[in-house]
Amino acid sequence: MAGGWTRDGAVLDQIEDTVGDAVSSARARLPTGPGTEECVECGEVIPERRRLALPGVTTCVQCQSGRDATIRHSAINRRGSKDSQLR
């Protein structure tokens, strides 16, 4: 079913693009390089199981949660409505 002036399958393409962008963003935030045994922010020891699960990790769970809370997402409107194009 086409939505107005869009072609068939356009909504599915928008959904796939949105999910793909979110996955790419999450992968870009994964730690890389050598990890540390102590958190670089608070100095607490990072549990061995966390270091094994995420090689390259440099923060404890509590500090990483604080970092994750400050992540901003883009405000791209993929729907292409007239209202979004006029703003």
C-alpha atoms as a PDB file:
ATOM      1  CA  MET A   1       0.000   0.000   0.000  1.00  0.00           C
ATOM      2  CA  ALA A   2       1.438   3.352  -1.009  1.00  0.00           C
ATOM      3  CA  GLY A   3       1.112   6.282   1.340  1.00  0.00           C
ATOM      4  CA  GLY A   4       0.112   9.304  -0.756  1.00  0.00           C
ATOM      5  CA  TRP A   5       2.931  10.198  -3.133  1.00  0.00           C
ATOM      6  CA  THR A   6       5.311   7.464  -1.905  1.00  0.00           C
ATOM      7  CA  ARG A   7       5.988   4.222  -3.692  1.00  0.00           C
ATOM      8  CA  ASP A   8       5.000   0.791  -2.390  1.00  0.00           C
ATOM      9  CA  GLY A   9       7.300  -0.413   0.378  1.00  0.00           C
ATOM     10  CA  ALA A  10       8.536   3.072   1.309  1.00  0.00           C
ATOM     11  CA  VAL A  11       7.351   2.775   4.904  1.00  0.00           C
ATOM     12  CA  LEU A  12       9.237  -0.494   5.313  1.00  0.00           C
ATOM     13  CA  ASP A  13      12.350   1.155   3.870  1.00  0.00           C
ATOM     14  CA  GLN A  14      12.024   3.958   6.426  1.00  0.00           C
ATOM     15  CA  ILE A  15      11.735   1.473   9.268  1.00  0.00           C
ATOM     16  CA  GLU A  16      14.745  -0.515   8.037  1.00  0.00           C
ATOM     17  CA  ASP A  17      16.811   2.668   7.701  1.00  0.00           C
ATOM     18  CA  THR A  18      15.878   3.791  11.211  1.00  0.00           C
ATOM     19  CA  VAL A  19      16.815   0.420  12.703  1.00  0.00           C
ATOM     20  CA  GLY A  20      20.021   0.293  10.652  1.00  0.00           C
ATOM     21  CA  ASP A  21      21.036   3.757  11.875  1.00  0.00           C
ATOM     22  CA  ALA A  22      20.401   2.761  15.493  1.00  0.00           C
ATOM     23  CA  VAL A  23      22.495  -0.409  15.125  1.00  0.00           C
ATOM     24  CA  SER A  24      25.335   1.531  13.477  1.00  0.00           C
ATOM     25  CA  SER A  25      25.240   4.124  16.245  1.00  0.00           C
ATOM     26  CA  ALA A  26      25.335   1.448  18.958  1.00  0.00           C
ATOM     27  CA  ARG A  27      28.242  -0.346  17.266  1.00  0.00           C
ATOM     28  CA  ALA A  28      30.167   2.918  17.016  1.00  0.00           C
ATOM     29  CA  ARG A  29      29.852   3.375  20.794  1.00  0.00           C
ATOM     30  CA  LEU A  30      31.253  -0.082  21.609  1.00  0.00           C
ATOM     31  CA  PRO A  31      34.652   0.053  23.287  1.00  0.00           C
ATOM     32  CA  THR A  32      37.737  -0.664  21.198  1.00  0.00           C
ATOM     33  CA  GLY A  33      41.415  -1.007  21.961  1.00  0.00           C
ATOM     34  CA  PRO A  34      42.949  -2.129  25.218  1.00  0.00           C
ATOM     35  CA  GLY A  35      40.708  -2.107  28.244  1.00  0.00           C
ATOM     36  CA  THR A  36      41.571  -1.197  31.813  1.00  0.00           C
ATOM     37  CA  GLU A  37      41.105  -2.997  35.101  1.00  0.00           C
ATOM     38  CA  GLU A  38      39.988   0.205  36.812  1.00  0.00           C
ATOM     39  CA  CYS A  39      37.331   2.682  35.721  1.00  0.00           C
ATOM     40  CA  VAL A  40      38.870   5.760  34.082  1.00  0.00           C
ATOM     41  CA  GLU A  41      36.201   7.999  35.634  1.00  0.00           C
ATOM     42  CA  CYS A  42      35.829   6.869  39.249  1.00  0.00           C
ATOM     43  CA  GLY A  43      38.779   4.509  39.783  1.00  0.00           C
ATOM     44  CA  GLU A  44      36.670   1.536  40.915  1.00  0.00           C
ATOM     45  CA  VAL A  45      37.748  -1.951  39.830  1.00  0.00           C
ATOM     46  CA  ILE A  46      35.894  -3.156  36.737  1.00  0.00           C
ATOM     47  CA  PRO A  47      34.580  -6.696  37.358  1.00  0.00           C
ATOM     48  CA  GLU A  48      36.337  -9.412  35.369  1.00  0.00           C
ATOM     49  CA  ARG A  49      33.059 -10.641  33.863  1.00  0.00           C
ATOM     50  CA  ARG A  50      32.397  -7.159  32.428  1.00  0.00           C
ATOM     51  CA  ARG A  51      35.915  -7.029  30.974  1.00  0.00           C
ATOM     52  CA  LEU A  52      35.403 -10.450  29.386  1.00  0.00           C
ATOM     53  CA  ALA A  53      31.984  -9.538  27.992  1.00  0.00           C
ATOM     54  CA  LEU A  54      33.186  -6.207  26.529  1.00  0.00           C
ATOM     55  CA  PRO A  55      36.849  -6.327  25.566  1.00  0.00           C
ATOM     56  CA  GLY A  56      38.270  -2.812  25.611  1.00  0.00           C
ATOM     57  CA  VAL A  57      35.928  -1.520  28.320  1.00  0.00           C
ATOM     58  CA  THR A  58      37.297   1.389  30.370  1.00  0.00           C
ATOM     59  CA  THR A  59      34.344   2.312  32.602  1.00  0.00           C
ATOM     60  CA  CYS A  60      32.354   0.593  35.332  1.00  0.00           C
ATOM     61  CA  VAL A  61      28.638  -0.058  34.848  1.00  0.00           C
ATOM     62  CA  GLN A  62      27.572   2.948  36.919  1.00  0.00           C
ATOM     63  CA  CYS A  63      29.792   5.431  35.044  1.00  0.00           C
ATOM     64  CA  GLN A  64      28.821   3.945  31.668  1.00  0.00           C
ATOM     65  CA  SER A  65      25.141   4.310  32.575  1.00  0.00           C
ATOM     66  CA  GLY A  66      25.754   8.013  33.177  1.00  0.00           C
ATOM     67  CA  ARG A  67      27.479   8.325  29.797  1.00  0.00           C
ATOM     68  CA  ASP A  68      24.647   6.488  28.033  1.00  0.00           C
ATOM     69  CA  ALA A  69      22.068   8.827  29.573  1.00  0.00           C
ATOM     70  CA  THR A  70      23.659  11.801  27.810  1.00  0.00           C
ATOM     71  CA  ILE A  71      23.536  10.331  24.283  1.00  0.00           C
ATOM     72  CA  ARG A  72      21.607  12.523  21.856  1.00  0.00           C
ATOM     73  CA  HIS A  73      19.845  11.085  18.828  1.00  0.00           C
ATOM     74  CA  SER A  74      19.465  12.843  15.526  1.00  0.00           C
ATOM     75  CA  ALA A  75      16.187  14.536  14.763  1.00  0.00           C
ATOM     76  CA  ILE A  76      15.919  13.427  11.158  1.00  0.00           C
ATOM     77  CA  ASN A  77      12.318  12.969  10.122  1.00  0.00           C
ATOM     78  CA  ARG A  78      12.330  10.154   7.573  1.00  0.00           C
ATOM     79  CA  ARG A  79       8.617  10.368   6.948  1.00  0.00           C
ATOM     80  CA  GLY A  80       8.944  13.362   4.642  1.00  0.00           C
ATOM     81  CA  SER A  81       5.621  14.937   5.580  1.00  0.00           C
ATOM     82  CA  LYS A  82       4.887  18.422   4.273  1.00  0.00           C
ATOM     83  CA  ASP A  83       4.858  19.768   7.830  1.00  0.00           C
ATOM     84  CA  SER A  84       8.377  18.488   8.535  1.00  0.00           C
ATOM     85  CA  GLN A  85       9.697  19.970   5.294  1.00  0.00           C
ATOM     86  CA  LEU A  86       8.265  23.406   6.024  1.00  0.00           C
ATOM     87  CA  ARG A  87      10.017  23.738   9.392  1.00  0.00           C
END
